[in-house]
Each structure stands twice: as C-alpha cells, then as structure tokens.
Amino acid sequence: MQTSQTIKEQQRAYVERLLIALGKQLAERGITPVLVTTQDGRPALDVTDIRYRTRRVFVHLPFSWFYWGDQHDERVSFLEMAGAVDRIEQAACQGWPEGEQGDLRIELDKILGAYRD
C-alpha cells in the first residue's frame, strides 16, 4: 500500500510540473493560466478564453494528453509541448465551446471497487 501511495504522489508531482510548464508558455503568449486543485484533489490549469469563460485543462497520464473537454478536438499530446501550447492557445482564442466541460477521466479505483463488492 505504501508503494502505491508513493507512485500516486510521483504521478501528481509530474502532472503539476506539466501544468506549470504549460502555464508558463501560455502566459508568454498573453493567456493567463491559474494552477488550481479541484474539489476531488486533481491539479488543473484554469485558462480563460477571449469571452472571459474559463475551462480547466487537465492531464491524462495514460494517454499523454492535455485535455479541456471530452470531444476529439479538445485534447492534445503533452509529449510535443510546443504543439500543445499552440493548440490550447488556438482553442482559447477561438473561445471555449458552449455548455458543460466534458471529462475523460476514468476512475479505475471505483471500477475495481465495484467488482470487489
């Protein structure tokens, strides 16, 4: 159990480093990002679009994505940071889509828990 917790801590630290790096590059382009922690403890980057609407940019580690919704055009690989910054800047300059922000998160712990019960 201790090893599992250490891995989760390392993953969270990595996610935060990715978001900080993304935020610095977005800020250099005139987009104001804010590093936040969601109510459920996930790190995210609040990014405001040209209409002053905020979307949260999350990291999806298994797929190496930054994502800000659940549509195919609302995610980009973080492995190419320059391309990711370009895409997120473009999305923010076009304006975030109307409606609720979709989520790509799969909570494996809940799925496993359902099978244990």
PDB file of N, CA and C in Angstrom:
ATOM      1  N   MET A   1       0.824  -1.190   0.000  1.00  0.00           N
ATOM      2  CA  MET A   1       0.000   0.000   0.000  1.00  0.00           C
ATOM      3  C   MET A   1       0.871   1.257   0.000  1.00  0.00           C
ATOM      4  N   GLN A   2       1.978   1.230   0.707  1.00  0.00           N
ATOM      5  CA  GLN A   2       2.882   2.378   0.751  1.00  0.00           C
ATOM      6  C   GLN A   2       3.447   2.678  -0.635  1.00  0.00           C
ATOM      7  N   THR A   3       3.812   1.636  -1.375  1.00  0.00           N
ATOM      8  CA  THR A   3       4.356   1.820  -2.719  1.00  0.00           C
ATOM      9  C   THR A   3       3.321   2.471  -3.622  1.00  0.00           C
ATOM     10  N   SER A   4       2.075   2.030  -3.537  1.00  0.00           N
ATOM     11  CA  SER A   4       1.000   2.598  -4.339  1.00  0.00           C
ATOM     12  C   SER A   4       0.835   4.089  -4.055  1.00  0.00           C
ATOM     13  N   GLN A   5       0.901   4.465  -2.801  1.00  0.00           N
ATOM     14  CA  GLN A   5       0.776   5.869  -2.425  1.00  0.00           C
ATOM     15  C   GLN A   5       1.952   6.678  -2.966  1.00  0.00           C
ATOM     16  N   THR A   6       3.145   6.126  -2.911  1.00  0.00           N
ATOM     17  CA  THR A   6       4.325   6.819  -3.423  1.00  0.00           C
ATOM     18  C   THR A   6       4.195   7.040  -4.927  1.00  0.00           C
ATOM     19  N   ILE A   7       3.709   6.057  -5.644  1.00  0.00           N
ATOM     20  CA  ILE A   7       3.515   6.190  -7.084  1.00  0.00           C
ATOM     21  C   ILE A   7       2.498   7.281  -7.388  1.00  0.00           C
ATOM     22  N   LYS A   8       1.410   7.314  -6.637  1.00  0.00           N
ATOM     23  CA  LYS A   8       0.393   8.353  -6.842  1.00  0.00           C
ATOM     24  C   LYS A   8       0.963   9.744  -6.568  1.00  0.00           C
ATOM     25  N   GLU A   9       1.782   9.856  -5.559  1.00  0.00           N
ATOM     26  CA  GLU A   9       2.411  11.138  -5.248  1.00  0.00           C
ATOM     27  C   GLU A   9       3.344  11.571  -6.374  1.00  0.00           C
ATOM     28  N   GLN A  10       4.105  10.620  -6.916  1.00  0.00           N
ATOM     29  CA  GLN A  10       5.008  10.921  -8.024  1.00  0.00           C
ATOM     30  C   GLN A  10       4.228  11.327  -9.276  1.00  0.00           C
ATOM     31  N   GLN A  11       3.129  10.645  -9.529  1.00  0.00           N
ATOM     32  CA  GLN A  11       2.296  10.984 -10.678  1.00  0.00           C
ATOM     33  C   GLN A  11       1.709  12.384 -10.528  1.00  0.00           C
ATOM     34  N   ARG A  12       1.242  12.691  -9.335  1.00  0.00           N
ATOM     35  CA  ARG A  12       0.679  14.022  -9.101  1.00  0.00           C
ATOM     36  C   ARG A  12       1.745  15.100  -9.289  1.00  0.00           C
ATOM     37  N   ALA A  13       2.941  14.862  -8.794  1.00  0.00           N
ATOM     38  CA  ALA A  13       4.031  15.830  -8.954  1.00  0.00           C
ATOM     39  C   ALA A  13       4.357  16.023 -10.438  1.00  0.00           C
ATOM     40  N   TYR A  14       4.351  14.942 -11.202  1.00  0.00           N
ATOM     41  CA  TYR A  14       4.613  15.023 -12.633  1.00  0.00           C
ATOM     42  C   TYR A  14       3.521  15.820 -13.341  1.00  0.00           C
ATOM     43  N   VAL A  15       2.273  15.560 -12.997  1.00  0.00           N
ATOM     44  CA  VAL A  15       1.143  16.295 -13.574  1.00  0.00           C
ATOM     45  C   VAL A  15       1.284  17.782 -13.272  1.00  0.00           C
ATOM     46  N   GLU A  16       1.632  18.119 -12.051  1.00  0.00           N
ATOM     47  CA  GLU A  16       1.794  19.528 -11.687  1.00  0.00           C
ATOM     48  C   GLU A  16       2.932  20.178 -12.472  1.00  0.00           C
ATOM     49  N   ARG A  17       4.041  19.454 -12.662  1.00  0.00           N
ATOM     50  CA  ARG A  17       5.150  20.002 -13.457  1.00  0.00           C
ATOM     51  C   ARG A  17       4.721  20.260 -14.898  1.00  0.00           C
ATOM     52  N   LEU A  18       3.960  19.320 -15.466  1.00  0.00           N
ATOM     53  CA  LEU A  18       3.466  19.511 -16.829  1.00  0.00           C
ATOM     54  C   LEU A  18       2.563  20.743 -16.917  1.00  0.00           C
ATOM     55  N   LEU A  19       1.660  20.893 -15.971  1.00  0.00           N
ATOM     56  CA  LEU A  19       0.745  22.028 -15.983  1.00  0.00           C
ATOM     57  C   LEU A  19       1.477  23.352 -15.765  1.00  0.00           C
ATOM     58  N   ILE A  20       2.464  23.354 -14.910  1.00  0.00           N
ATOM     59  CA  ILE A  20       3.254  24.572 -14.677  1.00  0.00           C
ATOM     60  C   ILE A  20       4.003  24.959 -15.946  1.00  0.00           C
ATOM     61  N   ALA A  21       4.606  23.976 -16.616  1.00  0.00           N
ATOM     62  CA  ALA A  21       5.325  24.250 -17.863  1.00  0.00           C
ATOM     63  C   ALA A  21       4.366  24.786 -18.926  1.00  0.00           C
ATOM     64  N   LEU A  22       3.191  24.177 -19.046  1.00  0.00           N
ATOM     65  CA  LEU A  22       2.180  24.644 -19.993  1.00  0.00           C
ATOM     66  C   LEU A  22       1.764  26.068 -19.639  1.00  0.00           C
ATOM     67  N   GLY A  23       1.512  26.309 -18.367  1.00  0.00           N
ATOM     68  CA  GLY A  23       1.081  27.634 -17.928  1.00  0.00           C
ATOM     69  C   GLY A  23       2.101  28.718 -18.224  1.00  0.00           C
ATOM     70  N   LYS A  24       3.367  28.417 -18.026  1.00  0.00           N
ATOM     71  CA  LYS A  24       4.417  29.409 -18.321  1.00  0.00           C
ATOM     72  C   LYS A  24       4.412  29.780 -19.795  1.00  0.00           C
ATOM     73  N   GLN A  25       4.288  28.785 -20.643  1.00  0.00           N
ATOM     74  CA  GLN A  25       4.316  29.066 -22.080  1.00  0.00           C
ATOM     75  C   GLN A  25       3.054  29.780 -22.552  1.00  0.00           C
ATOM     76  N   LEU A  26       1.916  29.442 -21.966  1.00  0.00           N
ATOM     77  CA  LEU A  26       0.691  30.167 -22.305  1.00  0.00           C
ATOM     78  C   LEU A  26       0.778  31.620 -21.850  1.00  0.00           C
ATOM     79  N   ALA A  27       1.332  31.843 -20.669  1.00  0.00           N
ATOM     80  CA  ALA A  27       1.477  33.204 -20.147  1.00  0.00           C
ATOM     81  C   ALA A  27       2.375  34.047 -21.056  1.00  0.00           C
ATOM     82  N   GLU A  28       3.406  33.419 -21.623  1.00  0.00           N
ATOM     83  CA  GLU A  28       4.280  34.132 -22.557  1.00  0.00           C
ATOM     84  C   GLU A  28       3.528  34.584 -23.801  1.00  0.00           C
ATOM     85  N   ARG A  29       2.410  33.946 -24.081  1.00  0.00           N
ATOM     86  CA  ARG A  29       1.596  34.284 -25.259  1.00  0.00           C
ATOM     87  C   ARG A  29       0.398  35.161 -24.895  1.00  0.00           C
ATOM     88  N   GLY A  30       0.387  35.649 -23.668  1.00  0.00           N
ATOM     89  CA  GLY A  30      -0.667  36.570 -23.253  1.00  0.00           C
ATOM     90  C   GLY A  30      -1.922  35.917 -22.717  1.00  0.00           C
ATOM     91  N   ILE A  31      -1.877  34.619 -22.482  1.00  0.00           N
ATOM     92  CA  ILE A  31      -3.018  33.908 -21.911  1.00  0.00           C
ATOM     93  C   ILE A  31      -2.721  33.688 -20.437  1.00  0.00           C
ATOM     94  N   THR A  32      -3.665  34.072 -19.580  1.00  0.00           N
ATOM     95  CA  THR A  32      -3.435  33.980 -18.143  1.00  0.00           C
ATOM     96  C   THR A  32      -3.947  32.654 -17.600  1.00  0.00           C
ATOM     97  N   PRO A  33      -3.044  31.752 -17.228  1.00  0.00           N
ATOM     98  CA  PRO A  33      -3.451  30.490 -16.618  1.00  0.00           C
ATOM     99  C   PRO A  33      -3.322  30.559 -15.092  1.00  0.00           C
ATOM    100  N   VAL A  34      -4.140  29.777 -14.420  1.00  0.00           N
ATOM    101  CA  VAL A  34      -4.071  29.700 -12.954  1.00  0.00           C
ATOM    102  C   VAL A  34      -4.043  28.225 -12.569  1.00  0.00           C
ATOM    103  N   LEU A  35      -3.009  27.813 -11.862  1.00  0.00           N
ATOM    104  CA  LEU A  35      -2.907  26.444 -11.381  1.00  0.00           C
ATOM    105  C   LEU A  35      -3.856  26.281 -10.201  1.00  0.00           C
ATOM    106  N   VAL A  36      -4.748  25.298 -10.291  1.00  0.00           N
ATOM    107  CA  VAL A  36      -5.744  25.062  -9.245  1.00  0.00           C
ATOM    108  C   VAL A  36      -5.764  23.588  -8.882  1.00  0.00           C
ATOM    109  N   THR A  37      -6.430  23.299  -7.795  1.00  0.00           N
ATOM    110  CA  THR A  37      -6.715  21.926  -7.402  1.00  0.00           C
ATOM    111  C   THR A  37      -8.227  21.799  -7.303  1.00  0.00           C
ATOM    112  N   THR A  38      -8.782  20.808  -7.992  1.00  0.00           N
ATOM    113  CA  THR A  38     -10.227  20.625  -7.995  1.00  0.00           C
ATOM    114  C   THR A  38     -10.694  20.120  -6.634  1.00  0.00           C
ATOM    115  N   GLN A  39     -12.000  20.088  -6.445  1.00  0.00           N
ATOM    116  CA  GLN A  39     -12.554  19.610  -5.180  1.00  0.00           C
ATOM    117  C   GLN A  39     -12.162  18.171  -4.891  1.00  0.00           C
ATOM    118  N   ASP A  40     -11.974  17.388  -5.948  1.00  0.00           N
ATOM    119  CA  ASP A  40     -11.583  15.988  -5.736  1.00  0.00           C
ATOM    120  C   ASP A  40     -10.063  15.799  -5.727  1.00  0.00           C
ATOM    121  N   GLY A  41      -9.318  16.912  -5.682  1.00  0.00           N
ATOM    122  CA  GLY A  41      -7.876  16.843  -5.486  1.00  0.00           C
ATOM    123  C   GLY A  41      -7.022  16.758  -6.737  1.00  0.00           C
ATOM    124  N   ARG A  42      -7.631  16.917  -7.916  1.00  0.00           N
ATOM    125  CA  ARG A  42      -6.845  16.856  -9.149  1.00  0.00           C
ATOM    126  C   ARG A  42      -6.262  18.219  -9.492  1.00  0.00           C
ATOM    127  N   PRO A  43      -4.998  18.252  -9.872  1.00  0.00           N
ATOM    128  CA  PRO A  43      -4.425  19.517 -10.345  1.00  0.00           C
ATOM    129  C   PRO A  43      -4.972  19.841 -11.739  1.00  0.00           C
ATOM    130  N   ALA A  44      -5.165  21.115 -11.999  1.00  0.00           N
ATOM    131  CA  ALA A  44      -5.664  21.575 -13.290  1.00  0.00           C
ATOM    132  C   ALA A  44      -5.171  22.993 -13.522  1.00  0.00           C
ATOM    133  N   LEU A  45      -5.330  23.429 -14.751  1.00  0.00           N
ATOM    134  CA  LEU A  45      -4.946  24.786 -15.118  1.00  0.00           C
ATOM    135  C   LEU A  45      -6.206  25.493 -15.608  1.00  0.00           C
ATOM    136  N   ASP A  46      -6.637  26.540 -14.909  1.00  0.00           N
ATOM    137  CA  ASP A  46      -7.767  27.341 -15.371  1.00  0.00           C
ATOM    138  C   ASP A  46      -7.267  28.286 -16.458  1.00  0.00           C
ATOM    139  N   VAL A  47      -7.875  28.204 -17.624  1.00  0.00           N
ATOM    140  CA  VAL A  47      -7.490  29.032 -18.765  1.00  0.00           C
ATOM    141  C   VAL A  47      -8.727  29.774 -19.241  1.00  0.00           C
ATOM    142  N   THR A  48      -8.609  31.084 -19.359  1.00  0.00           N
ATOM    143  CA  THR A  48      -9.722  31.932 -19.764  1.00  0.00           C
ATOM    144  C   THR A  48      -9.635  32.215 -21.260  1.00  0.00           C
ATOM    145  N   ASP A  49     -10.776  32.127 -21.946  1.00  0.00           N
ATOM    146  CA  ASP A  49     -10.794  32.368 -23.388  1.00  0.00           C
ATOM    147  C   ASP A  49     -11.073  33.843 -23.689  1.00  0.00           C
ATOM    148  N   ILE A  50     -11.267  34.157 -24.968  1.00  0.00           N
ATOM    149  CA  ILE A  50     -11.473  35.550 -25.374  1.00  0.00           C
ATOM    150  C   ILE A  50     -12.803  36.108 -24.887  1.00  0.00           C
ATOM    151  N   ARG A  51     -13.726  35.236 -24.508  1.00  0.00           N
ATOM    152  CA  ARG A  51     -15.035  35.656 -23.993  1.00  0.00           C
ATOM    153  C   ARG A  51     -15.067  35.662 -22.463  1.00  0.00           C
ATOM    154  N   TYR A  52     -13.905  35.521 -21.861  1.00  0.00           N
ATOM    155  CA  TYR A  52     -13.746  35.501 -20.402  1.00  0.00           C
ATOM    156  C   TYR A  52     -14.449  34.316 -19.754  1.00  0.00           C
ATOM    157  N   ARG A  53     -14.521  33.201 -20.499  1.00  0.00           N
ATOM    158  CA  ARG A  53     -15.034  31.950 -19.947  1.00  0.00           C
ATOM    159  C   ARG A  53     -13.841  31.070 -19.625  1.00  0.00           C
ATOM    160  N   THR A  54     -13.941  30.372 -18.520  1.00  0.00           N
ATOM    161  CA  THR A  54     -12.824  29.547 -18.059  1.00  0.00           C
ATOM    162  C   THR A  54     -13.106  28.076 -18.304  1.00  0.00           C
ATOM    163  N   ARG A  55     -12.077  27.405 -18.770  1.00  0.00           N
ATOM    164  CA  ARG A  55     -12.092  25.946 -18.873  1.00  0.00           C
ATOM    165  C   ARG A  55     -10.896  25.441 -18.091  1.00  0.00           C
ATOM    166  N   ARG A  56     -11.035  24.258 -17.573  1.00  0.00           N
ATOM    167  CA  ARG A  56      -9.925  23.621 -16.864  1.00  0.00           C
ATOM    168  C   ARG A  56      -9.201  22.685 -17.818  1.00  0.00           C
ATOM    169  N   VAL A  57      -7.890  22.821 -17.851  1.00  0.00           N
ATOM    170  CA  VAL A  57      -7.052  21.926 -18.630  1.00  0.00           C
ATOM    171  C   VAL A  57      -6.481  20.900 -17.659  1.00  0.00           C
ATOM    172  N   PHE A  58      -6.719  19.635 -17.953  1.00  0.00           N
ATOM    173  CA  PHE A  58      -6.251  18.531 -17.119  1.00  0.00           C
ATOM    174  C   PHE A  58      -5.182  17.743 -17.863  1.00  0.00           C
ATOM    175  N   VAL A  59      -4.520  16.876 -17.136  1.00  0.00           N
ATOM    176  CA  VAL A  59      -3.558  15.949 -17.718  1.00  0.00           C
ATOM    177  C   VAL A  59      -4.129  14.547 -17.614  1.00  0.00           C
ATOM    178  N   HIS A  60      -4.072  13.817 -18.706  1.00  0.00           N
ATOM    179  CA  HIS A  60      -4.477  12.406 -18.736  1.00  0.00           C
ATOM    180  C   HIS A  60      -3.191  11.620 -18.965  1.00  0.00           C
ATOM    181  N   LEU A  61      -2.598  11.122 -17.890  1.00  0.00           N
ATOM    182  CA  LEU A  61      -1.296  10.455 -17.980  1.00  0.00           C
ATOM    183  C   LEU A  61      -1.283   9.214 -18.874  1.00  0.00           C
ATOM    184  N   PRO A  62      -2.246   8.296 -18.756  1.00  0.00           N
ATOM    185  CA  PRO A  62      -2.158   7.079 -19.574  1.00  0.00           C
ATOM    186  C   PRO A  62      -2.099   7.344 -21.083  1.00  0.00           C
ATOM    187  N   PHE A  63      -2.757   8.415 -21.540  1.00  0.00           N
ATOM    188  CA  PHE A  63      -2.752   8.728 -22.974  1.00  0.00           C
ATOM    189  C   PHE A  63      -1.835   9.889 -23.331  1.00  0.00           C
ATOM    190  N   SER A  64      -1.125  10.441 -22.349  1.00  0.00           N
ATOM    191  CA  SER A  64      -0.187  11.557 -22.566  1.00  0.00           C
ATOM    192  C   SER A  64      -0.885  12.773 -23.176  1.00  0.00           C
ATOM    193  N   TRP A  65      -2.039  13.133 -22.625  1.00  0.00           N
ATOM    194  CA  TRP A  65      -2.816  14.248 -23.144  1.00  0.00           C
ATOM    195  C   TRP A  65      -2.946  15.382 -22.136  1.00  0.00           C
ATOM    196  N   PHE A  66      -3.036  16.598 -22.680  1.00  0.00           N
ATOM    197  CA  PHE A  66      -3.698  17.699 -22.008  1.00  0.00           C
ATOM    198  C   PHE A  66      -5.110  17.660 -22.580  1.00  0.00           C
ATOM    199  N   TYR A  67      -6.130  17.852 -21.755  1.00  0.00           N
ATOM    200  CA  TYR A  67      -7.488  17.902 -22.289  1.00  0.00           C
ATOM    201  C   TYR A  67      -8.322  18.926 -21.543  1.00  0.00           C
ATOM    202  N   TRP A  68      -9.277  19.494 -22.262  1.00  0.00           N
ATOM    203  CA  TRP A  68     -10.163  20.513 -21.702  1.00  0.00           C
ATOM    204  C   TRP A  68     -11.623  20.214 -22.036  1.00  0.00           C
ATOM    205  N   GLY A  69     -11.890  18.980 -22.407  1.00  0.00           N
ATOM    206  CA  GLY A  69     -13.242  18.525 -22.710  1.00  0.00           C
ATOM    207  C   GLY A  69     -13.179  17.077 -23.164  1.00  0.00           C
ATOM    208  N   ASP A  70     -14.315  16.548 -23.585  1.00  0.00           N
ATOM    209  CA  ASP A  70     -14.347  15.141 -23.978  1.00  0.00           C
ATOM    210  C   ASP A  70     -14.492  14.926 -25.480  1.00  0.00           C
ATOM    211  N   GLN A  71     -14.428  15.985 -26.259  1.00  0.00           N
ATOM    212  CA  GLN A  71     -14.512  15.868 -27.706  1.00  0.00           C
ATOM    213  C   GLN A  71     -13.126  15.620 -28.302  1.00  0.00           C
ATOM    214  N   HIS A  72     -13.105  15.043 -29.512  1.00  0.00           N
ATOM    215  CA  HIS A  72     -11.821  14.684 -30.133  1.00  0.00           C
ATOM    216  C   HIS A  72     -10.901  15.880 -30.365  1.00  0.00           C
ATOM    217  N   ASP A  73     -11.456  17.069 -30.531  1.00  0.00           N
ATOM    218  CA  ASP A  73     -10.625  18.252 -30.753  1.00  0.00           C
ATOM    219  C   ASP A  73     -10.329  19.016 -29.454  1.00  0.00           C
ATOM    220  N   GLU A  74     -10.627  18.405 -28.312  1.00  0.00           N
ATOM    221  CA  GLU A  74     -10.392  19.044 -27.019  1.00  0.00           C
ATOM    222  C   GLU A  74      -9.303  18.323 -26.223  1.00  0.00           C
ATOM    223  N   ARG A  75      -8.362  17.779 -26.949  1.00  0.00           N
ATOM    224  CA  ARG A  75      -7.215  17.130 -26.311  1.00  0.00           C
ATOM    225  C   ARG A  75      -6.031  17.198 -27.263  1.00  0.00           C
ATOM    226  N   VAL A  76      -4.858  17.172 -26.654  1.00  0.00           N
ATOM    227  CA  VAL A  76      -3.622  17.266 -27.423  1.00  0.00           C
ATOM    228  C   VAL A  76      -2.514  16.579 -26.625  1.00  0.00           C
ATOM    229  N   SER A  77      -1.577  15.980 -27.308  1.00  0.00           N
ATOM    230  CA  SER A  77      -0.487  15.286 -26.636  1.00  0.00           C
ATOM    231  C   SER A  77       0.434  16.270 -25.923  1.00  0.00           C
ATOM    232  N   PHE A  78       0.801  15.922 -24.706  1.00  0.00           N
ATOM    233  CA  PHE A  78       1.768  16.765 -23.994  1.00  0.00           C
ATOM    234  C   PHE A  78       3.206  16.376 -24.325  1.00  0.00           C
ATOM    235  N   LEU A  79       3.389  15.338 -25.125  1.00  0.00           N
ATOM    236  CA  LEU A  79       4.738  14.916 -25.496  1.00  0.00           C
ATOM    237  C   LEU A  79       5.405  15.916 -26.430  1.00  0.00           C
ATOM    238  N   GLU A  80       4.612  16.671 -27.168  1.00  0.00           N
ATOM    239  CA  GLU A  80       5.108  17.769 -28.004  1.00  0.00           C
ATOM    240  C   GLU A  80       4.581  19.065 -27.402  1.00  0.00           C
ATOM    241  N   MET A  81       5.310  19.594 -26.425  1.00  0.00           N
ATOM    242  CA  MET A  81       4.823  20.738 -25.658  1.00  0.00           C
ATOM    243  C   MET A  81       4.532  21.950 -26.544  1.00  0.00           C
ATOM    244  N   ALA A  82       5.384  22.237 -27.515  1.00  0.00           N
ATOM    245  CA  ALA A  82       5.170  23.414 -28.366  1.00  0.00           C
ATOM    246  C   ALA A  82       3.853  23.290 -29.130  1.00  0.00           C
ATOM    247  N   GLY A  83       3.580  22.120 -29.675  1.00  0.00           N
ATOM    248  CA  GLY A  83       2.322  21.890 -30.389  1.00  0.00           C
ATOM    249  C   GLY A  83       1.122  21.969 -29.463  1.00  0.00           C
ATOM    250  N   ALA A  84       1.284  21.473 -28.244  1.00  0.00           N
ATOM    251  CA  ALA A  84       0.201  21.532 -27.264  1.00  0.00           C
ATOM    252  C   ALA A  84      -0.121  22.979 -26.909  1.00  0.00           C
ATOM    253  N   VAL A  85       0.909  23.773 -26.703  1.00  0.00           N
ATOM    254  CA  VAL A  85       0.701  25.188 -26.376  1.00  0.00           C
ATOM    255  C   VAL A  85      -0.007  25.883 -27.532  1.00  0.00           C
ATOM    256  N   ASP A  86       0.441  25.602 -28.765  1.00  0.00           N
ATOM    257  CA  ASP A  86      -0.217  26.191 -29.942  1.00  0.00           C
ATOM    258  C   ASP A  86      -1.695  25.846 -29.984  1.00  0.00           C
ATOM    259  N   ARG A  87      -2.010  24.572 -29.781  1.00  0.00           N
ATOM    260  CA  ARG A  87      -3.405  24.111 -29.878  1.00  0.00           C
ATOM    261  C   ARG A  87      -4.279  24.702 -28.784  1.00  0.00           C
ATOM    262  N   ILE A  88      -3.777  24.750 -27.562  1.00  0.00           N
ATOM    263  CA  ILE A  88      -4.567  25.309 -26.451  1.00  0.00           C
ATOM    264  C   ILE A  88      -4.736  26.815 -26.631  1.00  0.00           C
ATOM    265  N   GLU A  89      -3.685  27.480 -27.096  1.00  0.00           N
ATOM    266  CA  GLU A  89      -3.804  28.917 -27.387  1.00  0.00           C
ATOM    267  C   GLU A  89      -4.874  29.144 -28.464  1.00  0.00           C
ATOM    268  N   GLN A  90      -4.834  28.353 -29.514  1.00  0.00           N
ATOM    269  CA  GLN A  90      -5.811  28.470 -30.595  1.00  0.00           C
ATOM    270  C   GLN A  90      -7.234  28.262 -30.059  1.00  0.00           C
ATOM    271  N   ALA A  91      -7.431  27.238 -29.251  1.00  0.00           N
ATOM    272  CA  ALA A  91      -8.758  26.950 -28.699  1.00  0.00           C
ATOM    273  C   ALA A  91      -9.243  28.102 -27.818  1.00  0.00           C
ATOM    274  N   ALA A  92      -8.359  28.645 -26.996  1.00  0.00           N
ATOM    275  CA  ALA A  92      -8.742  29.755 -26.119  1.00  0.00           C
ATOM    276  C   ALA A  92      -9.041  31.017 -26.924  1.00  0.00           C
ATOM    277  N   CYS A  93      -8.291  31.240 -28.004  1.00  0.00           N
ATOM    278  CA  CYS A  93      -8.524  32.421 -28.841  1.00  0.00           C
ATOM    279  C   CYS A  93      -9.803  32.292 -29.660  1.00  0.00           C
ATOM    280  N   GLN A  94     -10.197  31.070 -30.009  1.00  0.00           N
ATOM    281  CA  GLN A  94     -11.457  30.847 -30.719  1.00  0.00           C
ATOM    282  C   GLN A  94     -12.639  30.903 -29.759  1.00  0.00           C
ATOM    283  N   GLY A  95     -12.387  30.621 -28.517  1.00  0.00           N
ATOM    284  CA  GLY A  95     -13.442  30.576 -27.495  1.00  0.00           C
ATOM    285  C   GLY A  95     -13.812  29.143 -27.180  1.00  0.00           C
ATOM    286  N   TRP A  96     -13.953  28.852 -25.904  1.00  0.00           N
ATOM    287  CA  TRP A  96     -14.323  27.506 -25.486  1.00  0.00           C
ATOM    288  C   TRP A  96     -15.714  27.182 -25.982  1.00  0.00           C
ATOM    289  N   PRO A  97     -15.995  25.916 -26.248  1.00  0.00           N
ATOM    290  CA  PRO A  97     -17.351  25.519 -26.674  1.00  0.00           C
ATOM    291  C   PRO A  97     -18.388  25.834 -25.593  1.00  0.00           C
ATOM    292  N   GLU A  98     -19.611  26.061 -26.039  1.00  0.00           N
ATOM    293  CA  GLU A  98     -20.715  26.300 -25.112  1.00  0.00           C
ATOM    294  C   GLU A  98     -21.011  25.023 -24.330  1.00  0.00           C
ATOM    295  N   GLY A  99     -21.578  25.167 -23.166  1.00  0.00           N
ATOM    296  CA  GLY A  99     -22.038  24.025 -22.385  1.00  0.00           C
ATOM    297  C   GLY A  99     -21.030  23.531 -21.373  1.00  0.00           C
ATOM    298  N   GLU A 100     -21.419  22.440 -20.739  1.00  0.00           N
ATOM    299  CA  GLU A 100     -20.592  21.819 -19.704  1.00  0.00           C
ATOM    300  C   GLU A 100     -19.290  21.283 -20.287  1.00  0.00           C
ATOM    301  N   GLN A 101     -18.269  21.333 -19.496  1.00  0.00           N
ATOM    302  CA  GLN A 101     -16.983  20.769 -19.880  1.00  0.00           C
ATOM    303  C   GLN A 101     -17.009  19.264 -19.655  1.00  0.00           C
ATOM    304  N   GLY A 102     -16.728  18.494 -20.696  1.00  0.00           N
ATOM    305  CA  GLY A 102     -16.689  17.045 -20.578  1.00  0.00           C
ATOM    306  C   GLY A 102     -15.438  16.579 -19.866  1.00  0.00           C
ATOM    307  N   ASP A 103     -15.458  15.353 -19.395  1.00  0.00           N
ATOM    308  CA  ASP A 103     -14.333  14.809 -18.640  1.00  0.00           C
ATOM    309  C   ASP A 103     -13.944  13.455 -19.214  1.00  0.00           C
ATOM    310  N   LEU A 104     -12.661  13.239 -19.390  1.00  0.00           N
ATOM    311  CA  LEU A 104     -12.151  11.975 -19.927  1.00  0.00           C
ATOM    312  C   LEU A 104     -11.656  11.032 -18.845  1.00  0.00           C
ATOM    313  N   ARG A 105     -11.765  11.429 -17.613  1.00  0.00           N
ATOM    314  CA  ARG A 105     -11.216  10.655 -16.510  1.00  0.00           C
ATOM    315  C   ARG A 105     -11.969   9.347 -16.324  1.00  0.00           C
ATOM    316  N   ILE A 106     -11.213   8.311 -16.127  1.00  0.00           N
ATOM    317  CA  ILE A 106     -11.787   7.011 -15.777  1.00  0.00           C
ATOM    318  C   ILE A 106     -11.281   6.697 -14.378  1.00  0.00           C
ATOM    319  N   GLU A 107     -12.185   6.513 -13.471  1.00  0.00           N
ATOM    320  CA  GLU A 107     -11.789   6.250 -12.096  1.00  0.00           C
ATOM    321  C   GLU A 107     -11.674   4.740 -11.896  1.00  0.00           C
ATOM    322  N   LEU A 108     -10.477   4.237 -12.108  1.00  0.00           N
ATOM    323  CA  LEU A 108     -10.254   2.800 -12.025  1.00  0.00           C
ATOM    324  C   LEU A 108     -10.514   2.252 -10.633  1.00  0.00           C
ATOM    325  N   ASP A 109     -10.249   3.058  -9.621  1.00  0.00           N
ATOM    326  CA  ASP A 109     -10.500   2.605  -8.247  1.00  0.00           C
ATOM    327  C   ASP A 109     -11.981   2.275  -8.039  1.00  0.00           C
ATOM    328  N   LYS A 110     -12.875   3.075  -8.607  1.00  0.00           N
ATOM    329  CA  LYS A 110     -14.313   2.823  -8.470  1.00  0.00           C
ATOM    330  C   LYS A 110     -14.717   1.571  -9.239  1.00  0.00           C
ATOM    331  N   ILE A 111     -14.135   1.384 -10.412  1.00  0.00           N
ATOM    332  CA  ILE A 111     -14.440   0.195 -11.203  1.00  0.00           C
ATOM    333  C   ILE A 111     -13.984  -1.064 -10.460  1.00  0.00           C
ATOM    334  N   LEU A 112     -12.761  -1.026  -9.934  1.00  0.00           N
ATOM    335  CA  LEU A 112     -12.243  -2.166  -9.182  1.00  0.00           C
ATOM    336  C   LEU A 112     -13.080  -2.418  -7.935  1.00  0.00           C
ATOM    337  N   GLY A 113     -13.491  -1.362  -7.264  1.00  0.00           N
ATOM    338  CA  GLY A 113     -14.313  -1.481  -6.066  1.00  0.00           C
ATOM    339  C   GLY A 113     -15.644  -2.139  -6.341  1.00  0.00           C
ATOM    340  N   ALA A 114     -16.217  -1.867  -7.497  1.00  0.00           N
ATOM    341  CA  ALA A 114     -17.491  -2.467  -7.873  1.00  0.00           C
ATOM    342  C   ALA A 114     -17.367  -3.986  -8.028  1.00  0.00           C
ATOM    343  N   TYR A 115     -16.226  -4.436  -8.506  1.00  0.00           N
ATOM    344  CA  TYR A 115     -16.031  -5.868  -8.686  1.00  0.00           C
ATOM    345  C   TYR A 115     -15.648  -6.583  -7.403  1.00  0.00           C
ATOM    346  N   ARG A 116     -15.142  -5.844  -6.427  1.00  0.00           N
ATOM    347  CA  ARG A 116     -14.767  -6.440  -5.141  1.00  0.00           C
ATOM    348  C   ARG A 116     -15.975  -6.667  -4.255  1.00  0.00           C
ATOM    349  N   ASP A 117     -16.991  -5.849  -4.431  1.00  0.00           N
ATOM    350  CA  ASP A 117     -18.174  -5.939  -3.552  1.00  0.00           C
ATOM    351  C   ASP A 117     -19.052  -7.116  -3.851  1.00  0.00           C
TER     352      ASP A 117
END
